[in-house]
Full PDB file with SEQRES, HELIX, SHEET, SSBOND, CRYST1, ORIGX, SCALE, CONECT and MASTER records, all heavy atoms in Angstrom:
SEQRES   1 A   40  ARG THR ASP ILE ALA ASP GLY LYS LEU VAL TYR VAL SER          
SEQRES   2 A   40  GLU SER GLY ALA THR ARG GLY GLN VAL ASN PRO ASN ILE          
SEQRES   3 A   40  LYS VAL PRO GLU GLY ALA VAL VAL GLN ILE ASN LEU VAL          
SEQRES   4 A   40  ASN                                                          
HELIX    1 AA1 GLY A   16  THR A   18  5                                   3    
SHEET    1 AA1 2 THR A   2  ALA A   5  0                                        
SHEET    2 AA1 2 LYS A   8  TYR A  11 -1                                        
CRYST1    1.000    1.000    1.000  90.00  90.00  90.00 P 1           1          
ORIGX1      1.000000  0.000000  0.000000        0.00000                         
ORIGX2      0.000000  1.000000  0.000000        0.00000                         
ORIGX3      0.000000  0.000000  1.000000        0.00000                         
SCALE1      1.000000  0.000000  0.000000        0.00000                         
SCALE2      0.000000  1.000000  0.000000        0.00000                         
SCALE3      0.000000  0.000000  1.000000        0.00000                         
ATOM      1  N   ARG A   1       5.196  -1.315   1.915  1.00  0.00           N  
ATOM      2  CA  ARG A   1       6.616  -1.208   2.155  1.00  0.00           C  
ATOM      3  C   ARG A   1       6.997   0.207   1.709  1.00  0.00           C  
ATOM      4  O   ARG A   1       6.616   0.722   0.692  1.00  0.00           O  
ATOM      5  CB  ARG A   1       7.406  -2.248   1.326  1.00  0.00           C  
ATOM      6  CG  ARG A   1       8.905  -2.102   1.337  1.00  0.00           C  
ATOM      7  CD  ARG A   1       9.545  -3.208   0.629  1.00  0.00           C  
ATOM      8  NE  ARG A   1       8.942  -3.555  -0.636  1.00  0.00           N  
ATOM      9  CZ  ARG A   1       9.188  -2.902  -1.823  1.00  0.00           C  
ATOM     10  NH1 ARG A   1       9.990  -1.889  -1.873  1.00  0.00           N  
ATOM     11  NH2 ARG A   1       8.570  -3.293  -2.849  1.00  0.00           N  
ATOM     12  N   THR A   2       7.918   0.947   2.503  1.00  0.00           N  
ATOM     13  CA  THR A   2       8.294   2.230   2.104  1.00  0.00           C  
ATOM     14  C   THR A   2       9.435   1.962   1.116  1.00  0.00           C  
ATOM     15  O   THR A   2      10.242   1.046   1.273  1.00  0.00           O  
ATOM     16  CB  THR A   2       8.812   2.996   3.368  1.00  0.00           C  
ATOM     17  OG1 THR A   2       9.980   2.484   3.882  1.00  0.00           O  
ATOM     18  CG2 THR A   2       7.721   3.015   4.411  1.00  0.00           C  
ATOM     19  N   ASP A   3       9.545   2.948   0.188  1.00  0.00           N  
ATOM     20  CA  ASP A   3      10.575   2.803  -0.890  1.00  0.00           C  
ATOM     21  C   ASP A   3      10.864   4.095  -1.579  1.00  0.00           C  
ATOM     22  O   ASP A   3      10.105   5.145  -1.235  1.00  0.00           O  
ATOM     23  CB  ASP A   3      10.226   1.752  -1.882  1.00  0.00           C  
ATOM     24  CG  ASP A   3      11.300   1.130  -2.661  1.00  0.00           C  
ATOM     25  OD1 ASP A   3      12.510   1.665  -2.529  1.00  0.00           O  
ATOM     26  OD2 ASP A   3      11.137   0.101  -3.245  1.00  0.00           O  
ATOM     27  N   ILE A   4      11.851   4.209  -2.383  1.00  0.00           N  
ATOM     28  CA  ILE A   4      12.000   5.316  -3.284  1.00  0.00           C  
ATOM     29  C   ILE A   4      11.867   4.851  -4.703  1.00  0.00           C  
ATOM     30  O   ILE A   4      12.490   3.940  -5.231  1.00  0.00           O  
ATOM     31  CB  ILE A   4      13.420   5.976  -3.149  1.00  0.00           C  
ATOM     32  CG1 ILE A   4      13.607   6.435  -1.655  1.00  0.00           C  
ATOM     33  CG2 ILE A   4      13.674   7.052  -4.048  1.00  0.00           C  
ATOM     34  CD1 ILE A   4      14.988   7.041  -1.331  1.00  0.00           C  
ATOM     35  N   ALA A   5      10.934   5.608  -5.488  1.00  0.00           N  
ATOM     36  CA  ALA A   5      10.741   5.224  -6.928  1.00  0.00           C  
ATOM     37  C   ALA A   5      10.719   6.458  -7.750  1.00  0.00           C  
ATOM     38  O   ALA A   5       9.933   7.464  -7.376  1.00  0.00           O  
ATOM     39  CB  ALA A   5       9.399   4.416  -6.924  1.00  0.00           C  
ATOM     40  N   ASP A   6      11.356   6.578  -8.865  1.00  0.00           N  
ATOM     41  CA  ASP A   6      11.398   7.709  -9.702  1.00  0.00           C  
ATOM     42  C   ASP A   6      11.657   8.951  -8.929  1.00  0.00           C  
ATOM     43  O   ASP A   6      11.091   9.934  -9.228  1.00  0.00           O  
ATOM     44  CB  ASP A   6      10.169   7.819 -10.409  1.00  0.00           C  
ATOM     45  CG  ASP A   6       9.871   6.545 -11.358  1.00  0.00           C  
ATOM     46  OD1 ASP A   6      10.849   6.090 -11.882  1.00  0.00           O  
ATOM     47  OD2 ASP A   6       8.699   6.288 -11.617  1.00  0.00           O  
ATOM     48  N   GLY A   7      12.548   8.862  -7.920  1.00  0.00           N  
ATOM     49  CA  GLY A   7      12.986  10.041  -7.209  1.00  0.00           C  
ATOM     50  C   GLY A   7      11.913  10.571  -6.125  1.00  0.00           C  
ATOM     51  O   GLY A   7      12.137  11.585  -5.612  1.00  0.00           O  
ATOM     52  N   LYS A   8      10.950   9.692  -5.880  1.00  0.00           N  
ATOM     53  CA  LYS A   8       9.955  10.106  -4.902  1.00  0.00           C  
ATOM     54  C   LYS A   8       9.868   9.101  -3.787  1.00  0.00           C  
ATOM     55  O   LYS A   8      10.103   7.835  -3.976  1.00  0.00           O  
ATOM     56  CB  LYS A   8       8.513  10.256  -5.540  1.00  0.00           C  
ATOM     57  CG  LYS A   8       8.378  11.209  -6.588  1.00  0.00           C  
ATOM     58  CD  LYS A   8       7.051  11.332  -7.016  1.00  0.00           C  
ATOM     59  CE  LYS A   8       6.874  12.458  -8.026  1.00  0.00           C  
ATOM     60  NZ  LYS A   8       5.470  12.572  -8.530  1.00  0.00           N  
ATOM     61  N   LEU A   9       9.523   9.487  -2.648  1.00  0.00           N  
ATOM     62  CA  LEU A   9       9.238   8.589  -1.535  1.00  0.00           C  
ATOM     63  C   LEU A   9       7.863   8.072  -1.592  1.00  0.00           C  
ATOM     64  O   LEU A   9       6.963   8.805  -2.020  1.00  0.00           O  
ATOM     65  CB  LEU A   9       9.342   9.362  -0.143  1.00  0.00           C  
ATOM     66  CG  LEU A   9      10.655   9.848   0.309  1.00  0.00           C  
ATOM     67  CD1 LEU A   9      10.531  10.736   1.552  1.00  0.00           C  
ATOM     68  CD2 LEU A   9      11.586   8.709   0.504  1.00  0.00           C  
ATOM     69  N   VAL A  10       7.687   6.680  -1.459  1.00  0.00           N  
ATOM     70  CA  VAL A  10       6.399   6.104  -1.803  1.00  0.00           C  
ATOM     71  C   VAL A  10       6.118   4.914  -0.894  1.00  0.00           C  
ATOM     72  O   VAL A  10       7.042   4.360  -0.155  1.00  0.00           O  
ATOM     73  CB  VAL A  10       6.399   5.608  -3.263  1.00  0.00           C  
ATOM     74  CG1 VAL A  10       6.410   6.736  -4.295  1.00  0.00           C  
ATOM     75  CG2 VAL A  10       7.430   4.571  -3.433  1.00  0.00           C  
ATOM     76  N   TYR A  11       4.869   4.465  -0.846  1.00  0.00           N  
ATOM     77  CA  TYR A  11       4.484   3.266  -0.256  1.00  0.00           C  
ATOM     78  C   TYR A  11       4.327   2.299  -1.367  1.00  0.00           C  
ATOM     79  O   TYR A  11       3.680   2.664  -2.545  1.00  0.00           O  
ATOM     80  CB  TYR A  11       3.201   3.319   0.457  1.00  0.00           C  
ATOM     81  CG  TYR A  11       3.105   4.242   1.663  1.00  0.00           C  
ATOM     82  CD1 TYR A  11       2.504   5.507   1.598  1.00  0.00           C  
ATOM     83  CD2 TYR A  11       3.843   3.878   2.893  1.00  0.00           C  
ATOM     84  CE1 TYR A  11       2.413   6.264   2.781  1.00  0.00           C  
ATOM     85  CE2 TYR A  11       3.726   4.698   3.969  1.00  0.00           C  
ATOM     86  CZ  TYR A  11       3.101   5.935   3.907  1.00  0.00           C  
ATOM     87  OH  TYR A  11       3.141   6.731   4.996  1.00  0.00           O  
ATOM     88  N   VAL A  12       4.698   1.067  -1.273  1.00  0.00           N  
ATOM     89  CA  VAL A  12       4.535  -0.026  -2.334  1.00  0.00           C  
ATOM     90  C   VAL A  12       3.679  -1.192  -1.727  1.00  0.00           C  
ATOM     91  O   VAL A  12       4.085  -1.587  -0.638  1.00  0.00           O  
ATOM     92  CB  VAL A  12       5.896  -0.573  -2.880  1.00  0.00           C  
ATOM     93  CG1 VAL A  12       5.639  -1.597  -3.920  1.00  0.00           C  
ATOM     94  CG2 VAL A  12       6.687   0.629  -3.542  1.00  0.00           C  
ATOM     95  N   SER A  13       2.653  -1.576  -2.389  1.00  0.00           N  
ATOM     96  CA  SER A  13       1.896  -2.714  -1.863  1.00  0.00           C  
ATOM     97  C   SER A  13       2.599  -3.984  -1.918  1.00  0.00           C  
ATOM     98  O   SER A  13       3.199  -4.267  -2.933  1.00  0.00           O  
ATOM     99  CB  SER A  13       0.566  -2.807  -2.585  1.00  0.00           C  
ATOM    100  OG  SER A  13      -0.247  -3.893  -2.191  1.00  0.00           O  
ATOM    101  N   GLU A  14       2.536  -4.853  -0.898  1.00  0.00           N  
ATOM    102  CA  GLU A  14       2.967  -6.214  -0.902  1.00  0.00           C  
ATOM    103  C   GLU A  14       1.865  -7.222  -0.727  1.00  0.00           C  
ATOM    104  O   GLU A  14       2.127  -8.292  -0.254  1.00  0.00           O  
ATOM    105  CB  GLU A  14       4.086  -6.275   0.144  1.00  0.00           C  
ATOM    106  CG  GLU A  14       5.312  -5.520  -0.187  1.00  0.00           C  
ATOM    107  CD  GLU A  14       6.553  -5.964   0.631  1.00  0.00           C  
ATOM    108  OE1 GLU A  14       6.383  -6.451   1.736  1.00  0.00           O  
ATOM    109  OE2 GLU A  14       7.634  -5.662   0.099  1.00  0.00           O  
ATOM    110  N   SER A  15       0.601  -6.794  -1.064  1.00  0.00           N  
ATOM    111  CA  SER A  15      -0.552  -7.621  -0.760  1.00  0.00           C  
ATOM    112  C   SER A  15      -1.464  -7.786  -1.952  1.00  0.00           C  
ATOM    113  O   SER A  15      -1.757  -6.822  -2.595  1.00  0.00           O  
ATOM    114  CB  SER A  15      -1.354  -7.086   0.424  1.00  0.00           C  
ATOM    115  OG  SER A  15      -0.583  -6.990   1.597  1.00  0.00           O  
ATOM    116  N   GLY A  16      -1.911  -9.019  -2.167  1.00  0.00           N  
ATOM    117  CA  GLY A  16      -3.053  -9.295  -3.011  1.00  0.00           C  
ATOM    118  C   GLY A  16      -2.958  -8.627  -4.405  1.00  0.00           C  
ATOM    119  O   GLY A  16      -2.017  -8.583  -4.989  1.00  0.00           O  
ATOM    120  N   ALA A  17      -4.239  -8.130  -4.889  1.00  0.00           N  
ATOM    121  CA  ALA A  17      -4.377  -7.666  -6.158  1.00  0.00           C  
ATOM    122  C   ALA A  17      -3.627  -6.360  -6.360  1.00  0.00           C  
ATOM    123  O   ALA A  17      -3.382  -6.065  -7.593  1.00  0.00           O  
ATOM    124  CB  ALA A  17      -5.838  -7.360  -6.408  1.00  0.00           C  
ATOM    125  N   THR A  18      -3.249  -5.622  -5.413  1.00  0.00           N  
ATOM    126  CA  THR A  18      -2.431  -4.333  -5.527  1.00  0.00           C  
ATOM    127  C   THR A  18      -1.018  -4.604  -5.489  1.00  0.00           C  
ATOM    128  O   THR A  18      -0.254  -3.621  -5.488  1.00  0.00           O  
ATOM    129  CB  THR A  18      -2.964  -3.355  -4.521  1.00  0.00           C  
ATOM    130  OG1 THR A  18      -2.638  -3.886  -3.218  1.00  0.00           O  
ATOM    131  CG2 THR A  18      -4.412  -3.076  -4.619  1.00  0.00           C  
ATOM    132  N   ARG A  19      -0.622  -5.865  -5.222  1.00  0.00           N  
ATOM    133  CA  ARG A  19       0.928  -6.091  -5.165  1.00  0.00           C  
ATOM    134  C   ARG A  19       1.770  -5.358  -6.109  1.00  0.00           C  
ATOM    135  O   ARG A  19       1.495  -5.417  -7.436  1.00  0.00           O  
ATOM    136  CB  ARG A  19       1.201  -7.652  -5.110  1.00  0.00           C  
ATOM    137  CG  ARG A  19       2.687  -7.971  -4.998  1.00  0.00           C  
ATOM    138  CD  ARG A  19       2.882  -9.465  -5.004  1.00  0.00           C  
ATOM    139  NE  ARG A  19       2.254 -10.157  -3.976  1.00  0.00           N  
ATOM    140  CZ  ARG A  19       2.873 -10.385  -2.744  1.00  0.00           C  
ATOM    141  NH1 ARG A  19       4.146  -9.895  -2.603  1.00  0.00           N  
ATOM    142  NH2 ARG A  19       2.256 -10.981  -1.808  1.00  0.00           N  
ATOM    143  N   GLY A  20       2.851  -4.691  -5.758  1.00  0.00           N  
ATOM    144  CA  GLY A  20       3.662  -3.937  -6.633  1.00  0.00           C  
ATOM    145  C   GLY A  20       3.200  -2.527  -7.041  1.00  0.00           C  
ATOM    146  O   GLY A  20       4.025  -1.804  -7.596  1.00  0.00           O  
ATOM    147  N   GLN A  21       1.922  -2.267  -6.582  1.00  0.00           N  
ATOM    148  CA  GLN A  21       1.442  -0.845  -7.011  1.00  0.00           C  
ATOM    149  C   GLN A  21       2.074   0.208  -6.085  1.00  0.00           C  
ATOM    150  O   GLN A  21       2.222  -0.075  -4.866  1.00  0.00           O  
ATOM    151  CB  GLN A  21      -0.079  -0.749  -6.940  1.00  0.00           C  
ATOM    152  CG  GLN A  21      -0.793  -1.587  -8.024  1.00  0.00           C  
ATOM    153  CD  GLN A  21      -2.272  -1.450  -8.020  1.00  0.00           C  
ATOM    154  OE1 GLN A  21      -2.885  -0.570  -7.302  1.00  0.00           O  
ATOM    155  NE2 GLN A  21      -3.026  -2.355  -8.677  1.00  0.00           N  
ATOM    156  N   VAL A  22       2.324   1.387  -6.579  1.00  0.00           N  
ATOM    157  CA  VAL A  22       2.853   2.540  -5.848  1.00  0.00           C  
ATOM    158  C   VAL A  22       1.683   3.323  -5.180  1.00  0.00           C  
ATOM    159  O   VAL A  22       0.733   3.583  -5.917  1.00  0.00           O  
ATOM    160  CB  VAL A  22       3.795   3.358  -6.610  1.00  0.00           C  
ATOM    161  CG1 VAL A  22       4.097   4.681  -5.881  1.00  0.00           C  
ATOM    162  CG2 VAL A  22       5.042   2.617  -7.000  1.00  0.00           C  
ATOM    163  N   ASN A  23       1.740   3.572  -3.933  1.00  0.00           N  
ATOM    164  CA  ASN A  23       0.617   4.287  -3.262  1.00  0.00           C  
ATOM    165  C   ASN A  23      -0.790   3.769  -3.701  1.00  0.00           C  
ATOM    166  O   ASN A  23      -1.576   4.522  -4.271  1.00  0.00           O  
ATOM    167  CB  ASN A  23       0.748   5.781  -3.538  1.00  0.00           C  
ATOM    168  CG  ASN A  23       2.036   6.340  -3.047  1.00  0.00           C  
ATOM    169  OD1 ASN A  23       2.522   5.930  -2.047  1.00  0.00           O  
ATOM    170  ND2 ASN A  23       2.441   7.443  -3.681  1.00  0.00           N  
ATOM    171  N   PRO A  24      -1.012   2.509  -3.494  1.00  0.00           N  
ATOM    172  CA  PRO A  24      -2.297   1.868  -3.939  1.00  0.00           C  
ATOM    173  C   PRO A  24      -3.480   2.420  -3.377  1.00  0.00           C  
ATOM    174  O   PRO A  24      -3.476   2.936  -2.301  1.00  0.00           O  
ATOM    175  CB  PRO A  24      -2.099   0.390  -3.638  1.00  0.00           C  
ATOM    176  CG  PRO A  24      -1.305   0.436  -2.331  1.00  0.00           C  
ATOM    177  CD  PRO A  24      -0.314   1.568  -2.585  1.00  0.00           C  
ATOM    178  N   ASN A  25      -4.573   2.492  -4.163  1.00  0.00           N  
ATOM    179  CA  ASN A  25      -5.870   2.749  -3.614  1.00  0.00           C  
ATOM    180  C   ASN A  25      -6.211   1.564  -2.658  1.00  0.00           C  
ATOM    181  O   ASN A  25      -6.289   0.387  -3.192  1.00  0.00           O  
ATOM    182  CB  ASN A  25      -6.961   2.921  -4.668  1.00  0.00           C  
ATOM    183  CG  ASN A  25      -6.748   4.237  -5.486  1.00  0.00           C  
ATOM    184  OD1 ASN A  25      -6.051   5.156  -4.968  1.00  0.00           O  
ATOM    185  ND2 ASN A  25      -7.386   4.244  -6.640  1.00  0.00           N  
ATOM    186  N   ILE A  26      -6.587   1.811  -1.508  1.00  0.00           N  
ATOM    187  CA  ILE A  26      -7.037   0.728  -0.598  1.00  0.00           C  
ATOM    188  C   ILE A  26      -8.513   0.835  -0.405  1.00  0.00           C  
ATOM    189  O   ILE A  26      -9.146   1.757   0.059  1.00  0.00           O  
ATOM    190  CB  ILE A  26      -6.396   0.929   0.825  1.00  0.00           C  
ATOM    191  CG1 ILE A  26      -4.908   0.934   0.661  1.00  0.00           C  
ATOM    192  CG2 ILE A  26      -6.981  -0.152   1.791  1.00  0.00           C  
ATOM    193  CD1 ILE A  26      -4.185   1.286   2.110  1.00  0.00           C  
ATOM    194  N   LYS A  27      -9.234  -0.178  -1.065  1.00  0.00           N  
ATOM    195  CA  LYS A  27     -10.734  -0.160  -1.157  1.00  0.00           C  
ATOM    196  C   LYS A  27     -11.245  -1.113  -0.084  1.00  0.00           C  
ATOM    197  O   LYS A  27     -10.920  -2.221  -0.063  1.00  0.00           O  
ATOM    198  CB  LYS A  27     -11.235  -0.557  -2.510  1.00  0.00           C  
ATOM    199  CG  LYS A  27     -10.725   0.447  -3.672  1.00  0.00           C  
ATOM    200  CD  LYS A  27     -11.163   0.025  -4.978  1.00  0.00           C  
ATOM    201  CE  LYS A  27     -10.696   1.060  -6.070  1.00  0.00           C  
ATOM    202  NZ  LYS A  27     -11.126   0.698  -7.469  1.00  0.00           N  
ATOM    203  N   VAL A  28     -12.164  -0.533   0.762  1.00  0.00           N  
ATOM    204  CA  VAL A  28     -12.758  -1.460   1.822  1.00  0.00           C  
ATOM    205  C   VAL A  28     -14.223  -1.128   1.943  1.00  0.00           C  
ATOM    206  O   VAL A  28     -14.710  -0.051   1.597  1.00  0.00           O  
ATOM    207  CB  VAL A  28     -12.032  -1.191   3.131  1.00  0.00           C  
ATOM    208  CG1 VAL A  28     -10.522  -1.345   3.032  1.00  0.00           C  
ATOM    209  CG2 VAL A  28     -12.261   0.292   3.603  1.00  0.00           C  
ATOM    210  N   PRO A  29     -14.983  -2.120   2.450  1.00  0.00           N  
ATOM    211  CA  PRO A  29     -16.353  -1.821   2.685  1.00  0.00           C  
ATOM    212  C   PRO A  29     -16.571  -0.902   3.831  1.00  0.00           C  
ATOM    213  O   PRO A  29     -15.769  -0.836   4.783  1.00  0.00           O  
ATOM    214  CB  PRO A  29     -16.990  -3.256   2.978  1.00  0.00           C  
ATOM    215  CG  PRO A  29     -15.875  -4.138   2.625  1.00  0.00           C  
ATOM    216  CD  PRO A  29     -14.518  -3.457   2.707  1.00  0.00           C  
ATOM    217  N   GLU A  30     -17.723  -0.132   3.823  1.00  0.00           N  
ATOM    218  CA  GLU A  30     -18.011   0.662   5.016  1.00  0.00           C  
ATOM    219  C   GLU A  30     -18.271  -0.167   6.207  1.00  0.00           C  
ATOM    220  O   GLU A  30     -18.922  -1.202   6.099  1.00  0.00           O  
ATOM    221  CB  GLU A  30     -19.182   1.547   4.730  1.00  0.00           C  
ATOM    222  CG  GLU A  30     -19.535   2.553   5.822  1.00  0.00           C  
ATOM    223  CD  GLU A  30     -20.681   3.511   5.479  1.00  0.00           C  
ATOM    224  OE1 GLU A  30     -21.227   3.318   4.385  1.00  0.00           O  
ATOM    225  OE2 GLU A  30     -20.969   4.402   6.317  1.00  0.00           O  
ATOM    226  N   GLY A  31     -17.703   0.158   7.342  1.00  0.00           N  
ATOM    227  CA  GLY A  31     -17.833  -0.630   8.564  1.00  0.00           C  
ATOM    228  C   GLY A  31     -16.789  -1.699   8.852  1.00  0.00           C  
ATOM    229  O   GLY A  31     -16.669  -2.259   9.798  1.00  0.00           O  
ATOM    230  N   ALA A  32     -15.860  -1.928   7.803  1.00  0.00           N  
ATOM    231  CA  ALA A  32     -14.863  -2.921   7.834  1.00  0.00           C  
ATOM    232  C   ALA A  32     -13.757  -2.507   8.859  1.00  0.00           C  
ATOM    233  O   ALA A  32     -13.416  -1.353   8.979  1.00  0.00           O  
ATOM    234  CB  ALA A  32     -14.213  -3.175   6.551  1.00  0.00           C  
ATOM    235  N   VAL A  33     -13.232  -3.591   9.517  1.00  0.00           N  
ATOM    236  CA  VAL A  33     -11.963  -3.409  10.381  1.00  0.00           C  
ATOM    237  C   VAL A  33     -10.817  -3.531   9.517  1.00  0.00           C  
ATOM    238  O   VAL A  33     -10.609  -4.559   8.742  1.00  0.00           O  
ATOM    239  CB  VAL A  33     -11.966  -4.361  11.494  1.00  0.00           C  
ATOM    240  CG1 VAL A  33     -10.666  -4.203  12.286  1.00  0.00           C  
ATOM    241  CG2 VAL A  33     -13.108  -4.132  12.441  1.00  0.00           C  
ATOM    242  N   VAL A  34      -9.949  -2.555   9.344  1.00  0.00           N  
ATOM    243  CA  VAL A  34      -8.814  -2.421   8.419  1.00  0.00           C  
ATOM    244  C   VAL A  34      -7.552  -2.465   9.228  1.00  0.00           C  
ATOM    245  O   VAL A  34      -7.306  -1.723  10.131  1.00  0.00           O  
ATOM    246  CB  VAL A  34      -8.929  -1.099   7.622  1.00  0.00           C  
ATOM    247  CG1 VAL A  34      -7.745  -1.139   6.565  1.00  0.00           C  
ATOM    248  CG2 VAL A  34     -10.330  -1.027   6.947  1.00  0.00           C  
ATOM    249  N   GLN A  35      -6.642  -3.359   8.744  1.00  0.00           N  
ATOM    250  CA  GLN A  35      -5.214  -3.380   9.296  1.00  0.00           C  
ATOM    251  C   GLN A  35      -4.284  -2.985   8.225  1.00  0.00           C  
ATOM    252  O   GLN A  35      -4.289  -3.631   7.208  1.00  0.00           O  
ATOM    253  CB  GLN A  35      -4.962  -4.717   9.918  1.00  0.00           C  
ATOM    254  CG  GLN A  35      -3.480  -4.756  10.414  1.00  0.00           C  
ATOM    255  CD  GLN A  35      -3.183  -5.944  11.424  1.00  0.00           C  
ATOM    256  OE1 GLN A  35      -4.064  -6.219  12.298  1.00  0.00           O  
ATOM    257  NE2 GLN A  35      -2.146  -6.584  11.198  1.00  0.00           N  
ATOM    258  N   ILE A  36      -3.464  -2.075   8.402  1.00  0.00           N  
ATOM    259  CA  ILE A  36      -2.393  -1.689   7.535  1.00  0.00           C  
ATOM    260  C   ILE A  36      -1.066  -1.920   8.081  1.00  0.00           C  
ATOM    261  O   ILE A  36      -0.748  -1.331   9.196  1.00  0.00           O  
ATOM    262  CB  ILE A  36      -2.462  -0.226   7.019  1.00  0.00           C  
ATOM    263  CG1 ILE A  36      -3.846   0.109   6.415  1.00  0.00           C  
ATOM    264  CG2 ILE A  36      -1.320   0.134   6.075  1.00  0.00           C  
ATOM    265  CD1 ILE A  36      -3.998   1.591   5.998  1.00  0.00           C  
ATOM    266  N   ASN A  37      -0.330  -2.879   7.618  1.00  0.00           N  
ATOM    267  CA  ASN A  37       1.041  -3.215   8.102  1.00  0.00           C  
ATOM    268  C   ASN A  37       1.963  -2.376   7.356  1.00  0.00           C  
ATOM    269  O   ASN A  37       1.911  -2.204   6.102  1.00  0.00           O  
ATOM    270  CB  ASN A  37       1.335  -4.696   7.907  1.00  0.00           C  
ATOM    271  CG  ASN A  37       0.322  -5.589   8.509  1.00  0.00           C  
ATOM    272  OD1 ASN A  37      -0.164  -5.379   9.610  1.00  0.00           O  
ATOM    273  ND2 ASN A  37      -0.032  -6.763   7.826  1.00  0.00           N  
ATOM    274  N   LEU A  38       2.982  -1.753   8.051  1.00  0.00           N  
ATOM    275  CA  LEU A  38       3.988  -0.925   7.463  1.00  0.00           C  
ATOM    276  C   LEU A  38       5.371  -1.429   7.693  1.00  0.00           C  
ATOM    277  O   LEU A  38       5.761  -1.623   8.790  1.00  0.00           O  
ATOM    278  CB  LEU A  38       3.912   0.506   7.945  1.00  0.00           C  
ATOM    279  CG  LEU A  38       4.883   1.527   7.301  1.00  0.00           C  
ATOM    280  CD1 LEU A  38       4.602   1.735   5.952  1.00  0.00           C  
ATOM    281  CD2 LEU A  38       4.868   2.760   8.110  1.00  0.00           C  
ATOM    282  N   VAL A  39       6.085  -1.779   6.558  1.00  0.00           N  
ATOM    283  CA  VAL A  39       7.488  -2.310   6.622  1.00  0.00           C  
ATOM    284  C   VAL A  39       8.383  -1.185   6.039  1.00  0.00           C  
ATOM    285  O   VAL A  39       8.159  -0.757   4.965  1.00  0.00           O  
ATOM    286  CB  VAL A  39       7.586  -3.649   5.891  1.00  0.00           C  
ATOM    287  CG1 VAL A  39       8.996  -4.212   6.022  1.00  0.00           C  
ATOM    288  CG2 VAL A  39       6.645  -4.638   6.488  1.00  0.00           C  
ATOM    289  N   ASN A  40       9.435  -0.980   6.769  1.00  0.00           N  
ATOM    290  CA  ASN A  40      10.446   0.069   6.293  1.00  0.00           C  
ATOM    291  C   ASN A  40      11.392  -0.624   5.265  1.00  0.00           C  
ATOM    292  O   ASN A  40      12.139  -1.560   5.624  1.00  0.00           O  
ATOM    293  CB  ASN A  40      11.250   0.554   7.461  1.00  0.00           C  
ATOM    294  CG  ASN A  40      12.067   1.775   7.085  1.00  0.00           C  
ATOM    295  OD1 ASN A  40      12.760   1.843   6.102  1.00  0.00           O  
ATOM    296  ND2 ASN A  40      12.097   2.777   8.067  1.00  0.00           N  
TER     297      ASN A  40                                                      
MASTER        0    0    0    1    2    0    0    6  296    1    0    4          
END                                                                             
């Protein structure tokens, strides 16, 4: 989800173990099919 935090434009995770993290590290296996949903 896009947001403003501490005066900066950021992405905020709304999924799984990274929920609530700002600009989270997205860790995936090599060869994985990855889907990133973006909500304004």
